[in-house]
Amino acid sequence: MPTRAIGDLRLKHPEFNFHESSEKHGYRRSIPVFKGPYITHEPDIQVIPLSSEDKYLVMASDGLWDEISRKTSAKVATRLAKENAIDSLMKTLCQEALKQAAKNSGITMEQLSRIEPGDYRRQVVDDITIFVVDLKN
């Protein structure tokens, strides 16, 4: 996640949490009583043992996992493998997450697609990054 690496310093360190006038200089509003850090550059790591039955490794940002479960991602991968369309796995997982985000927000996919990037869209759906590793090839 880029924020963990390079962004939102005001959420990491109190010395970057400037006073109210910082907004006019293009910074976000300060946090009145800083009790952070609220985010960290340290990644969340989960260790999941693999077996000879495993076919794909899906690594993704929280934008995907907030919307769909590991079990759902496995079902999508299995379905696409049967259809011989595994090359579209990342796109399909992303679409499934967007559908779920729209449903959770009570809007249609059409409405979601018309929301401009920015703070309001972030309230509906988080950024999504997906990598898939084929463990059998």
N, C-alpha and C. Protein backbone atom coordinates (compact mmCIF):
# COMPACT_ATOMS: atom_id res chain seq x y z
N MET A 1 0.84 -1.17 0.00
CA MET A 1 0.00 0.00 0.00
C MET A 1 0.89 1.24 0.00
N PRO A 2 0.73 2.13 -0.96
CA PRO A 2 1.59 3.30 -1.03
C PRO A 2 1.61 4.14 0.24
N THR A 3 0.46 4.27 0.92
CA THR A 3 0.41 5.07 2.14
C THR A 3 1.38 4.54 3.17
N ARG A 4 1.49 3.24 3.28
CA ARG A 4 2.41 2.67 4.26
C ARG A 4 3.85 3.08 3.95
N ALA A 5 4.15 3.19 2.67
CA ALA A 5 5.52 3.49 2.28
C ALA A 5 5.81 5.00 2.22
N ILE A 6 4.97 5.76 1.51
CA ILE A 6 5.34 7.15 1.24
C ILE A 6 4.30 8.19 1.60
N GLY A 7 3.09 7.81 1.92
CA GLY A 7 2.05 8.81 2.09
C GLY A 7 1.60 9.03 3.52
N ASP A 8 0.73 10.01 3.68
CA ASP A 8 0.03 10.30 4.94
C ASP A 8 0.94 10.36 6.16
N LEU A 9 2.00 11.13 6.05
CA LEU A 9 2.92 11.26 7.19
C LEU A 9 2.22 11.79 8.44
N ARG A 10 1.18 12.62 8.27
CA ARG A 10 0.48 13.17 9.42
C ARG A 10 -0.21 12.10 10.24
N LEU A 11 -0.44 10.94 9.64
CA LEU A 11 -1.06 9.83 10.36
C LEU A 11 -0.01 8.93 11.02
N LYS A 12 1.26 9.17 10.72
CA LYS A 12 2.35 8.34 11.24
C LYS A 12 3.13 9.02 12.36
N HIS A 13 3.36 10.34 12.19
CA HIS A 13 4.24 11.06 13.12
C HIS A 13 3.61 12.40 13.52
N PRO A 14 3.60 12.70 14.81
CA PRO A 14 2.98 13.96 15.25
C PRO A 14 3.66 15.20 14.67
N GLU A 15 4.96 15.15 14.39
CA GLU A 15 5.65 16.33 13.87
C GLU A 15 5.18 16.73 12.47
N PHE A 16 4.47 15.82 11.77
CA PHE A 16 3.93 16.14 10.45
C PHE A 16 2.43 16.48 10.52
N ASN A 17 1.90 16.52 11.71
CA ASN A 17 0.49 16.85 11.91
C ASN A 17 0.40 18.36 12.15
N PHE A 18 0.43 19.14 11.06
CA PHE A 18 0.52 20.59 11.13
C PHE A 18 -0.74 21.24 11.67
N HIS A 19 -0.62 22.49 12.02
CA HIS A 19 -1.75 23.26 12.52
C HIS A 19 -2.77 23.52 11.42
N GLU A 20 -3.91 24.11 11.77
CA GLU A 20 -5.04 24.27 10.86
C GLU A 20 -4.72 24.99 9.56
N SER A 21 -3.77 25.92 9.56
CA SER A 21 -3.48 26.68 8.34
C SER A 21 -2.86 25.80 7.25
N SER A 22 -2.49 24.57 7.60
CA SER A 22 -1.87 23.69 6.61
C SER A 22 -2.80 23.37 5.45
N GLU A 23 -4.13 23.42 5.69
CA GLU A 23 -5.09 23.12 4.63
C GLU A 23 -4.93 24.08 3.45
N LYS A 24 -4.70 25.35 3.73
CA LYS A 24 -4.56 26.31 2.63
C LYS A 24 -3.29 26.09 1.82
N HIS A 25 -2.38 25.29 2.35
CA HIS A 25 -1.14 24.96 1.64
C HIS A 25 -1.23 23.59 0.97
N GLY A 26 -2.43 23.01 0.91
CA GLY A 26 -2.63 21.76 0.21
C GLY A 26 -2.52 20.50 1.05
N TYR A 27 -2.37 20.66 2.35
CA TYR A 27 -2.31 19.49 3.23
C TYR A 27 -3.69 19.19 3.78
N ARG A 28 -3.90 17.97 4.20
CA ARG A 28 -5.17 17.63 4.83
C ARG A 28 -5.26 18.23 6.22
N ARG A 29 -6.48 18.31 6.71
CA ARG A 29 -6.75 18.86 8.03
C ARG A 29 -5.93 18.13 9.09
N SER A 30 -5.46 18.88 10.07
CA SER A 30 -4.67 18.26 11.13
C SER A 30 -5.57 17.48 12.08
N ILE A 31 -4.98 16.62 12.85
CA ILE A 31 -5.70 15.83 13.84
C ILE A 31 -5.55 16.56 15.17
N PRO A 32 -6.66 17.04 15.76
CA PRO A 32 -6.57 17.90 16.94
C PRO A 32 -5.70 17.34 18.08
N VAL A 33 -5.94 16.15 18.50
CA VAL A 33 -5.13 15.54 19.57
C VAL A 33 -4.55 14.25 19.01
N PHE A 34 -3.30 14.33 18.57
CA PHE A 34 -2.66 13.19 17.92
C PHE A 34 -2.37 12.09 18.94
N LYS A 35 -2.92 10.90 18.70
CA LYS A 35 -2.68 9.75 19.56
C LYS A 35 -2.13 8.58 18.75
N GLY A 36 -1.58 8.90 17.59
CA GLY A 36 -1.09 7.88 16.66
C GLY A 36 0.19 7.23 17.11
N PRO A 37 0.83 6.50 16.26
CA PRO A 37 0.57 6.47 14.82
C PRO A 37 -0.69 5.66 14.49
N TYR A 38 -1.41 6.14 13.47
CA TYR A 38 -2.64 5.49 13.03
C TYR A 38 -2.36 4.48 11.93
N ILE A 39 -1.29 4.69 11.20
CA ILE A 39 -0.85 3.73 10.20
C ILE A 39 0.66 3.55 10.36
N THR A 40 1.17 2.51 9.79
CA THR A 40 2.59 2.23 9.90
C THR A 40 3.10 1.70 8.56
N HIS A 41 4.40 1.77 8.39
CA HIS A 41 5.00 1.22 7.17
C HIS A 41 5.18 -0.30 7.29
N GLU A 42 4.93 -0.84 8.48
CA GLU A 42 5.08 -2.28 8.69
C GLU A 42 3.95 -3.04 7.98
N PRO A 43 4.26 -4.00 7.11
CA PRO A 43 3.21 -4.75 6.41
C PRO A 43 2.50 -5.75 7.33
N ASP A 44 1.26 -6.05 6.97
CA ASP A 44 0.54 -7.14 7.62
C ASP A 44 0.95 -8.41 6.90
N ILE A 45 1.40 -9.39 7.63
CA ILE A 45 1.87 -10.63 7.01
C ILE A 45 1.10 -11.81 7.60
N GLN A 46 0.61 -12.66 6.73
CA GLN A 46 -0.04 -13.90 7.15
C GLN A 46 0.73 -15.05 6.52
N VAL A 47 1.01 -16.06 7.30
CA VAL A 47 1.70 -17.24 6.79
C VAL A 47 0.66 -18.35 6.68
N ILE A 48 0.47 -18.83 5.46
CA ILE A 48 -0.52 -19.87 5.21
C ILE A 48 0.20 -21.03 4.53
N PRO A 49 0.26 -22.17 5.19
CA PRO A 49 0.97 -23.32 4.59
C PRO A 49 0.32 -23.75 3.27
N LEU A 50 1.15 -24.07 2.29
CA LEU A 50 0.66 -24.55 1.01
C LEU A 50 0.71 -26.06 0.97
N SER A 51 -0.15 -26.63 0.15
CA SER A 51 -0.15 -28.08 -0.04
C SER A 51 -0.02 -28.37 -1.54
N SER A 52 0.14 -29.62 -1.87
CA SER A 52 0.26 -30.00 -3.28
C SER A 52 -1.05 -29.78 -4.04
N GLU A 53 -2.14 -29.60 -3.30
CA GLU A 53 -3.45 -29.33 -3.92
C GLU A 53 -3.61 -27.88 -4.37
N ASP A 54 -2.81 -26.99 -3.80
CA ASP A 54 -2.93 -25.56 -4.11
C ASP A 54 -2.46 -25.29 -5.53
N LYS A 55 -3.26 -24.47 -6.26
CA LYS A 55 -2.96 -24.19 -7.65
C LYS A 55 -2.54 -22.75 -7.88
N TYR A 56 -3.08 -21.82 -7.08
CA TYR A 56 -2.80 -20.41 -7.28
C TYR A 56 -2.56 -19.74 -5.94
N LEU A 57 -1.73 -18.72 -5.98
CA LEU A 57 -1.50 -17.88 -4.82
C LEU A 57 -2.01 -16.50 -5.19
N VAL A 58 -3.02 -16.02 -4.46
CA VAL A 58 -3.58 -14.70 -4.71
C VAL A 58 -3.07 -13.77 -3.61
N MET A 59 -2.30 -12.76 -4.01
CA MET A 59 -1.81 -11.74 -3.09
C MET A 59 -2.51 -10.45 -3.48
N ALA A 60 -3.12 -9.80 -2.49
CA ALA A 60 -3.89 -8.61 -2.81
C ALA A 60 -3.92 -7.64 -1.64
N SER A 61 -4.23 -6.40 -1.97
CA SER A 61 -4.38 -5.38 -0.93
C SER A 61 -5.72 -5.56 -0.22
N ASP A 62 -5.87 -4.83 0.87
CA ASP A 62 -7.08 -4.95 1.67
C ASP A 62 -8.33 -4.54 0.91
N GLY A 63 -8.17 -3.77 -0.17
CA GLY A 63 -9.33 -3.40 -0.98
C GLY A 63 -10.06 -4.61 -1.53
N LEU A 64 -9.34 -5.68 -1.83
CA LEU A 64 -9.97 -6.92 -2.27
C LEU A 64 -10.54 -7.69 -1.09
N TRP A 65 -9.70 -7.89 -0.07
CA TRP A 65 -10.09 -8.75 1.06
C TRP A 65 -11.17 -8.12 1.93
N ASP A 66 -11.34 -6.79 1.86
CA ASP A 66 -12.44 -6.16 2.58
C ASP A 66 -13.79 -6.54 1.96
N GLU A 67 -13.76 -6.91 0.69
CA GLU A 67 -15.01 -7.17 -0.03
C GLU A 67 -15.29 -8.65 -0.28
N ILE A 68 -14.26 -9.45 -0.51
CA ILE A 68 -14.49 -10.88 -0.75
C ILE A 68 -13.57 -11.71 0.15
N SER A 69 -13.99 -12.92 0.43
CA SER A 69 -13.22 -13.80 1.31
C SER A 69 -12.21 -14.63 0.52
N ARG A 70 -11.29 -15.24 1.25
CA ARG A 70 -10.34 -16.16 0.60
C ARG A 70 -11.10 -17.30 -0.07
N LYS A 71 -12.15 -17.75 0.58
CA LYS A 71 -12.95 -18.85 0.03
C LYS A 71 -13.59 -18.44 -1.30
N THR A 72 -14.12 -17.24 -1.35
CA THR A 72 -14.71 -16.75 -2.59
C THR A 72 -13.66 -16.63 -3.69
N SER A 73 -12.48 -16.13 -3.34
CA SER A 73 -11.43 -16.02 -4.35
C SER A 73 -11.04 -17.39 -4.88
N ALA A 74 -11.03 -18.39 -4.02
CA ALA A 74 -10.71 -19.75 -4.46
C ALA A 74 -11.80 -20.29 -5.39
N LYS A 75 -13.05 -19.99 -5.08
CA LYS A 75 -14.15 -20.43 -5.95
C LYS A 75 -14.04 -19.79 -7.33
N VAL A 76 -13.71 -18.52 -7.38
CA VAL A 76 -13.55 -17.82 -8.65
C VAL A 76 -12.40 -18.45 -9.44
N ALA A 77 -11.28 -18.69 -8.78
CA ALA A 77 -10.13 -19.30 -9.44
C ALA A 77 -10.46 -20.68 -9.98
N THR A 78 -11.17 -21.48 -9.20
CA THR A 78 -11.55 -22.83 -9.63
C THR A 78 -12.48 -22.77 -10.84
N ARG A 79 -13.46 -21.86 -10.79
CA ARG A 79 -14.40 -21.73 -11.91
C ARG A 79 -13.67 -21.30 -13.18
N LEU A 80 -12.78 -20.33 -13.06
CA LEU A 80 -12.06 -19.84 -14.24
C LEU A 80 -11.08 -20.88 -14.79
N ALA A 81 -10.49 -21.68 -13.91
CA ALA A 81 -9.58 -22.74 -14.36
C ALA A 81 -10.36 -23.77 -15.18
N LYS A 82 -11.58 -24.09 -14.73
CA LYS A 82 -12.41 -25.04 -15.47
C LYS A 82 -12.81 -24.48 -16.83
N GLU A 83 -13.00 -23.16 -16.90
CA GLU A 83 -13.37 -22.50 -18.16
C GLU A 83 -12.13 -22.18 -18.99
N ASN A 84 -10.96 -22.55 -18.49
CA ASN A 84 -9.69 -22.29 -19.15
C ASN A 84 -9.47 -20.78 -19.37
N ALA A 85 -9.92 -19.99 -18.38
CA ALA A 85 -9.83 -18.53 -18.49
C ALA A 85 -9.07 -17.94 -17.31
N ILE A 86 -8.10 -18.68 -16.82
CA ILE A 86 -7.38 -18.24 -15.63
C ILE A 86 -6.61 -16.93 -15.87
N ASP A 87 -6.32 -16.62 -17.14
CA ASP A 87 -5.62 -15.37 -17.42
C ASP A 87 -6.43 -14.14 -17.03
N SER A 88 -7.74 -14.30 -16.85
CA SER A 88 -8.58 -13.18 -16.44
C SER A 88 -8.91 -13.21 -14.94
N LEU A 89 -8.18 -14.00 -14.18
CA LEU A 89 -8.48 -14.14 -12.75
C LEU A 89 -8.39 -12.82 -12.01
N MET A 90 -7.34 -12.06 -12.21
CA MET A 90 -7.18 -10.80 -11.49
C MET A 90 -8.33 -9.83 -11.81
N LYS A 91 -8.67 -9.73 -13.08
CA LYS A 91 -9.77 -8.84 -13.49
C LYS A 91 -11.09 -9.29 -12.88
N THR A 92 -11.34 -10.60 -12.89
CA THR A 92 -12.58 -11.13 -12.35
C THR A 92 -12.66 -10.92 -10.84
N LEU A 93 -11.56 -11.15 -10.13
CA LEU A 93 -11.55 -10.90 -8.69
C LEU A 93 -11.84 -9.43 -8.39
N CYS A 94 -11.24 -8.55 -9.16
CA CYS A 94 -11.47 -7.12 -8.97
C CYS A 94 -12.94 -6.78 -9.21
N GLN A 95 -13.51 -7.33 -10.27
CA GLN A 95 -14.92 -7.07 -10.58
C GLN A 95 -15.84 -7.60 -9.47
N GLU A 96 -15.52 -8.77 -8.93
CA GLU A 96 -16.32 -9.33 -7.83
C GLU A 96 -16.26 -8.41 -6.61
N ALA A 97 -15.08 -7.89 -6.31
CA ALA A 97 -14.93 -6.97 -5.17
C ALA A 97 -15.71 -5.69 -5.41
N LEU A 98 -15.67 -5.16 -6.62
CA LEU A 98 -16.41 -3.94 -6.93
C LEU A 98 -17.91 -4.17 -6.84
N LYS A 99 -18.38 -5.32 -7.30
CA LYS A 99 -19.81 -5.65 -7.20
C LYS A 99 -20.23 -5.70 -5.74
N GLN A 100 -19.41 -6.33 -4.91
CA GLN A 100 -19.73 -6.43 -3.49
C GLN A 100 -19.71 -5.06 -2.83
N ALA A 101 -18.75 -4.22 -3.16
CA ALA A 101 -18.67 -2.87 -2.60
C ALA A 101 -19.90 -2.06 -2.99
N ALA A 102 -20.31 -2.17 -4.25
CA ALA A 102 -21.51 -1.46 -4.70
C ALA A 102 -22.74 -1.95 -3.94
N LYS A 103 -22.85 -3.26 -3.83
CA LYS A 103 -23.99 -3.84 -3.11
C LYS A 103 -24.01 -3.38 -1.65
N ASN A 104 -22.86 -3.40 -1.00
CA ASN A 104 -22.77 -2.98 0.40
C ASN A 104 -23.13 -1.50 0.59
N SER A 105 -22.91 -0.70 -0.46
CA SER A 105 -23.21 0.73 -0.39
C SER A 105 -24.60 1.07 -0.91
N GLY A 106 -25.32 0.05 -1.38
CA GLY A 106 -26.67 0.27 -1.88
C GLY A 106 -26.73 1.00 -3.20
N ILE A 107 -25.70 0.81 -4.03
CA ILE A 107 -25.68 1.44 -5.35
C ILE A 107 -25.44 0.36 -6.41
N THR A 108 -25.67 0.74 -7.65
CA THR A 108 -25.44 -0.20 -8.75
C THR A 108 -24.00 -0.08 -9.23
N MET A 109 -23.56 -1.05 -10.01
CA MET A 109 -22.23 -0.98 -10.62
C MET A 109 -22.13 0.23 -11.54
N GLU A 110 -23.24 0.53 -12.23
CA GLU A 110 -23.28 1.71 -13.10
C GLU A 110 -23.02 2.99 -12.30
N GLN A 111 -23.67 3.10 -11.15
CA GLN A 111 -23.46 4.27 -10.30
C GLN A 111 -22.02 4.31 -9.77
N LEU A 112 -21.50 3.17 -9.38
CA LEU A 112 -20.12 3.11 -8.89
C LEU A 112 -19.14 3.56 -9.98
N SER A 113 -19.38 3.13 -11.21
CA SER A 113 -18.46 3.48 -12.30
C SER A 113 -18.45 4.98 -12.59
N ARG A 114 -19.52 5.70 -12.21
CA ARG A 114 -19.60 7.13 -12.47
C ARG A 114 -19.02 7.98 -11.34
N ILE A 115 -18.68 7.37 -10.21
CA ILE A 115 -18.12 8.14 -9.10
C ILE A 115 -16.67 8.48 -9.44
N GLU A 116 -16.37 9.76 -9.38
CA GLU A 116 -15.02 10.24 -9.66
C GLU A 116 -14.06 9.78 -8.57
N PRO A 117 -12.79 9.57 -8.93
CA PRO A 117 -11.80 9.25 -7.90
C PRO A 117 -11.76 10.36 -6.84
N GLY A 118 -11.52 9.97 -5.63
CA GLY A 118 -11.45 10.95 -4.55
C GLY A 118 -12.02 10.40 -3.26
N ASP A 119 -12.22 11.31 -2.32
CA ASP A 119 -12.63 10.91 -0.97
C ASP A 119 -13.96 10.16 -0.95
N TYR A 120 -14.97 10.62 -1.74
CA TYR A 120 -16.26 9.93 -1.69
C TYR A 120 -16.14 8.51 -2.23
N ARG A 121 -15.43 8.33 -3.33
CA ARG A 121 -15.26 6.98 -3.89
C ARG A 121 -14.56 6.08 -2.88
N ARG A 122 -13.59 6.64 -2.14
CA ARG A 122 -12.87 5.85 -1.13
C ARG A 122 -13.79 5.40 -0.01
N GLN A 123 -14.91 6.10 0.20
CA GLN A 123 -15.88 5.67 1.19
C GLN A 123 -16.67 4.46 0.70
N VAL A 124 -16.73 4.30 -0.62
CA VAL A 124 -17.48 3.19 -1.21
C VAL A 124 -16.57 1.98 -1.43
N VAL A 125 -15.39 2.22 -1.98
CA VAL A 125 -14.47 1.12 -2.27
C VAL A 125 -13.03 1.58 -2.10
N ASP A 126 -12.22 0.73 -1.49
CA ASP A 126 -10.81 1.02 -1.29
C ASP A 126 -10.04 0.65 -2.56
N ASP A 127 -8.80 1.10 -2.66
CA ASP A 127 -7.97 0.72 -3.80
C ASP A 127 -7.75 -0.79 -3.78
N ILE A 128 -7.62 -1.37 -4.96
CA ILE A 128 -7.48 -2.82 -5.09
C ILE A 128 -6.26 -3.13 -5.94
N THR A 129 -5.34 -3.90 -5.38
CA THR A 129 -4.18 -4.39 -6.11
C THR A 129 -4.15 -5.90 -5.96
N ILE A 130 -3.98 -6.60 -7.07
CA ILE A 130 -4.02 -8.07 -7.05
C ILE A 130 -2.87 -8.64 -7.86
N PHE A 131 -2.21 -9.64 -7.28
CA PHE A 131 -1.20 -10.43 -7.99
C PHE A 131 -1.62 -11.89 -7.86
N VAL A 132 -1.48 -12.64 -8.93
CA VAL A 132 -1.78 -14.07 -8.90
C VAL A 132 -0.56 -14.83 -9.38
N VAL A 133 -0.18 -15.83 -8.61
CA VAL A 133 0.95 -16.69 -8.97
C VAL A 133 0.37 -18.08 -9.27
N ASP A 134 0.66 -18.59 -10.44
CA ASP A 134 0.26 -19.94 -10.82
C ASP A 134 1.29 -20.90 -10.21
N LEU A 135 0.87 -21.68 -9.24
CA LEU A 135 1.79 -22.57 -8.51
C LEU A 135 2.08 -23.87 -9.27
N LYS A 136 1.32 -24.12 -10.33
CA LYS A 136 1.51 -25.38 -11.07
C LYS A 136 2.39 -25.21 -12.30
N ASN A 137 2.67 -24.00 -12.69
CA ASN A 137 3.51 -23.77 -13.89
C ASN A 137 4.79 -23.09 -13.54
